[in-house]
Amino acid sequence: MFELIGEMAICLIVAILLGFAIGWLFARAVGAEEYDLDYDEISIREDEYSSQLKALQERYNKEKQLAEDCNKKNRELKGELMKKINLLQKTSNTLQEIQQKHGNNIASRVAELEALLQKKDEELIEFERVLVKAEETIEKLKNKET
């Protein structure tokens, strides 16, 4: 039984060494082709990457500046909005105070003016009646004379 286990262990060790050797040779063969780049190709790629990096940095700087401008404008607009809100609150408070002070006076003054208007309307109606009677009297007198 120990012989069988020993033979199996030896076979496993041989299989591992054989697999390692085949893998190493395969990696070396494939790796040699992969890293067999020309110096010019490497410099071209470096130039491409550096130009892409510069373009990305410029874009980043532009967007960063745009964000800063937007934040500045946002702060300015918030300040203006707060000023307008404060002015609106002051105006609203003043209007409420005026309404409270003069609210009853205005209502009583409106009632007085309505009463005066009604009185003047009645006087006009009476004046029209008098004028109509006068015209009728003048007409009668003209008719009698003729």
Protein backbone atom coordinates (compact mmCIF):
# COMPACT_ATOMS: atom_id res chain seq x y z
CA MET A 1 0.00 0.00 0.00
CA PHE A 2 2.89 2.34 0.76
CA GLU A 3 4.35 1.40 -2.59
CA LEU A 4 1.16 2.45 -4.36
CA ILE A 5 1.02 5.75 -2.48
CA GLY A 6 4.72 6.34 -3.24
CA GLU A 7 4.23 5.66 -6.96
CA MET A 8 1.22 7.97 -7.05
CA ALA A 9 3.20 10.73 -5.31
CA ILE A 10 6.07 10.31 -7.77
CA CYS A 11 3.66 10.45 -10.72
CA LEU A 12 2.07 13.64 -9.33
CA ILE A 13 5.48 15.26 -8.84
CA VAL A 14 6.53 14.32 -12.38
CA ALA A 15 3.21 15.66 -13.76
CA ILE A 16 3.68 18.94 -11.87
CA LEU A 17 7.24 19.35 -13.16
CA LEU A 18 6.19 18.49 -16.68
CA GLY A 19 3.26 20.97 -16.54
CA PHE A 20 5.52 23.67 -15.14
CA ALA A 21 8.09 23.09 -17.91
CA ILE A 22 5.45 23.18 -20.66
CA GLY A 23 3.82 26.29 -19.18
CA TRP A 24 7.17 28.07 -18.82
CA LEU A 25 8.13 27.30 -22.41
CA PHE A 26 4.71 28.39 -23.70
CA ALA A 27 4.80 31.62 -21.71
CA ARG A 28 8.29 32.36 -22.96
CA ALA A 29 7.29 31.75 -26.57
CA VAL A 30 4.15 33.90 -26.33
CA GLY A 31 5.80 36.53 -24.15
CA ALA A 32 8.66 37.04 -26.58
CA GLU A 33 6.23 37.95 -29.35
CA GLU A 34 4.18 40.18 -27.08
CA TYR A 35 7.10 42.24 -25.82
CA ASP A 36 8.89 42.41 -29.13
CA LEU A 37 7.84 46.03 -29.78
CA ASP A 38 9.85 48.47 -31.74
CA TYR A 39 11.19 51.58 -29.99
CA ASP A 40 9.32 53.80 -32.46
CA GLU A 41 6.01 52.09 -31.63
CA ILE A 42 6.66 52.65 -27.95
CA SER A 43 7.43 56.34 -28.46
CA ILE A 44 4.31 56.75 -30.66
CA ARG A 45 2.16 55.19 -27.98
CA GLU A 46 3.77 57.39 -25.34
CA ASP A 47 3.03 60.47 -27.47
CA GLU A 48 -0.57 59.38 -27.95
CA TYR A 49 -1.01 58.75 -24.24
CA SER A 50 0.60 62.06 -23.32
CA SER A 51 -1.62 63.98 -25.77
CA GLN A 52 -4.69 62.18 -24.41
CA LEU A 53 -3.55 62.98 -20.89
CA LYS A 54 -3.09 66.66 -21.76
CA ALA A 55 -6.54 66.79 -23.37
CA LEU A 56 -8.10 65.19 -20.31
CA GLN A 57 -6.26 67.60 -18.00
CA GLU A 58 -7.49 70.58 -20.04
CA ARG A 59 -11.04 69.25 -19.98
CA TYR A 60 -10.78 68.68 -16.23
CA ASN A 61 -9.49 72.23 -15.67
CA LYS A 62 -12.29 73.70 -17.81
CA GLU A 63 -14.96 71.73 -15.98
CA LYS A 64 -13.41 72.62 -12.63
CA GLN A 65 -13.48 76.32 -13.58
CA LEU A 66 -17.08 75.97 -14.77
CA ALA A 67 -18.05 74.37 -11.46
CA GLU A 68 -16.34 77.18 -9.54
CA ASP A 69 -18.16 79.78 -11.67
CA CYS A 70 -21.48 78.04 -11.08
CA ASN A 71 -20.87 77.92 -7.33
CA LYS A 72 -19.96 81.63 -7.30
CA LYS A 73 -23.09 82.53 -9.30
CA ASN A 74 -25.17 80.32 -7.00
CA ARG A 75 -23.87 82.19 -3.93
CA GLU A 76 -24.60 85.55 -5.57
CA LEU A 77 -28.13 84.50 -6.53
CA LYS A 78 -28.80 83.16 -3.03
CA GLY A 79 -27.67 86.50 -1.58
CA GLU A 80 -29.98 88.43 -3.91
CA LEU A 81 -32.84 86.07 -3.11
CA MET A 82 -32.33 86.54 0.62
CA LYS A 83 -32.36 90.34 0.15
CA LYS A 84 -35.61 90.14 -1.80
CA ILE A 85 -37.17 87.81 0.76
CA ASN A 86 -36.23 90.21 3.57
CA LEU A 87 -37.64 93.17 1.64
CA LEU A 88 -40.84 91.26 0.94
CA GLN A 89 -41.21 90.35 4.62
CA LYS A 90 -40.67 93.98 5.68
CA THR A 91 -43.18 95.20 3.11
CA SER A 92 -45.69 92.57 4.16
CA ASN A 93 -45.29 93.50 7.83
CA THR A 94 -45.70 97.20 7.01
CA LEU A 95 -48.82 96.50 4.95
CA GLN A 96 -50.31 94.44 7.77
CA GLU A 97 -49.61 97.25 10.24
CA ILE A 98 -51.25 99.81 7.95
CA GLN A 99 -54.28 97.57 7.47
CA GLN A 100 -54.62 97.12 11.22
CA LYS A 101 -54.30 100.87 11.90
CA HIS A 102 -56.50 102.12 9.11
CA GLY A 103 -58.71 99.12 8.44
CA ASN A 104 -61.64 100.39 10.54
CA ASN A 105 -61.15 104.00 9.37
CA ILE A 106 -61.26 102.95 5.75
CA ALA A 107 -64.44 100.94 6.23
CA SER A 108 -66.17 103.82 8.03
CA ARG A 109 -64.94 106.32 5.41
CA VAL A 110 -66.29 104.11 2.61
CA ALA A 111 -69.66 103.94 4.38
CA GLU A 112 -69.71 107.75 4.73
CA LEU A 113 -68.90 108.22 1.06
CA GLU A 114 -71.60 105.76 0.01
CA ALA A 115 -74.13 107.64 2.13
CA LEU A 116 -73.09 110.97 0.58
CA LEU A 117 -73.31 109.48 -2.88
CA GLN A 118 -76.82 108.20 -2.23
CA LYS A 119 -77.84 111.63 -0.87
CA LYS A 120 -76.44 113.36 -3.98
CA ASP A 121 -78.28 110.89 -6.22
CA GLU A 122 -81.54 111.74 -4.45
CA GLU A 123 -80.85 115.47 -4.85
CA LEU A 124 -80.17 114.99 -8.58
CA ILE A 125 -83.43 113.08 -9.02
CA GLU A 126 -85.31 115.87 -7.22
CA PHE A 127 -83.56 118.52 -9.34
CA GLU A 128 -84.56 116.65 -12.52
CA ARG A 129 -88.18 116.62 -11.36
CA VAL A 130 -88.09 120.37 -10.75
CA LEU A 131 -86.56 120.96 -14.18
CA VAL A 132 -89.16 118.79 -15.85
CA LYS A 133 -91.97 120.71 -14.07
CA ALA A 134 -90.39 124.01 -15.07
CA GLU A 135 -90.15 122.92 -18.68
CA GLU A 136 -93.77 121.78 -18.61
CA THR A 137 -94.82 125.11 -17.13
CA ILE A 138 -92.87 127.03 -19.77
CA GLU A 139 -94.48 124.91 -22.48
CA LYS A 140 -97.95 125.59 -21.08
CA LEU A 141 -97.30 129.31 -20.91
CA LYS A 142 -95.99 129.37 -24.50
CA ASN A 143 -99.06 127.43 -25.61
CA LYS A 144 -101.39 129.92 -23.88
CA GLU A 145 -99.73 132.89 -25.47
CA THR A 146 -99.99 131.56 -28.93
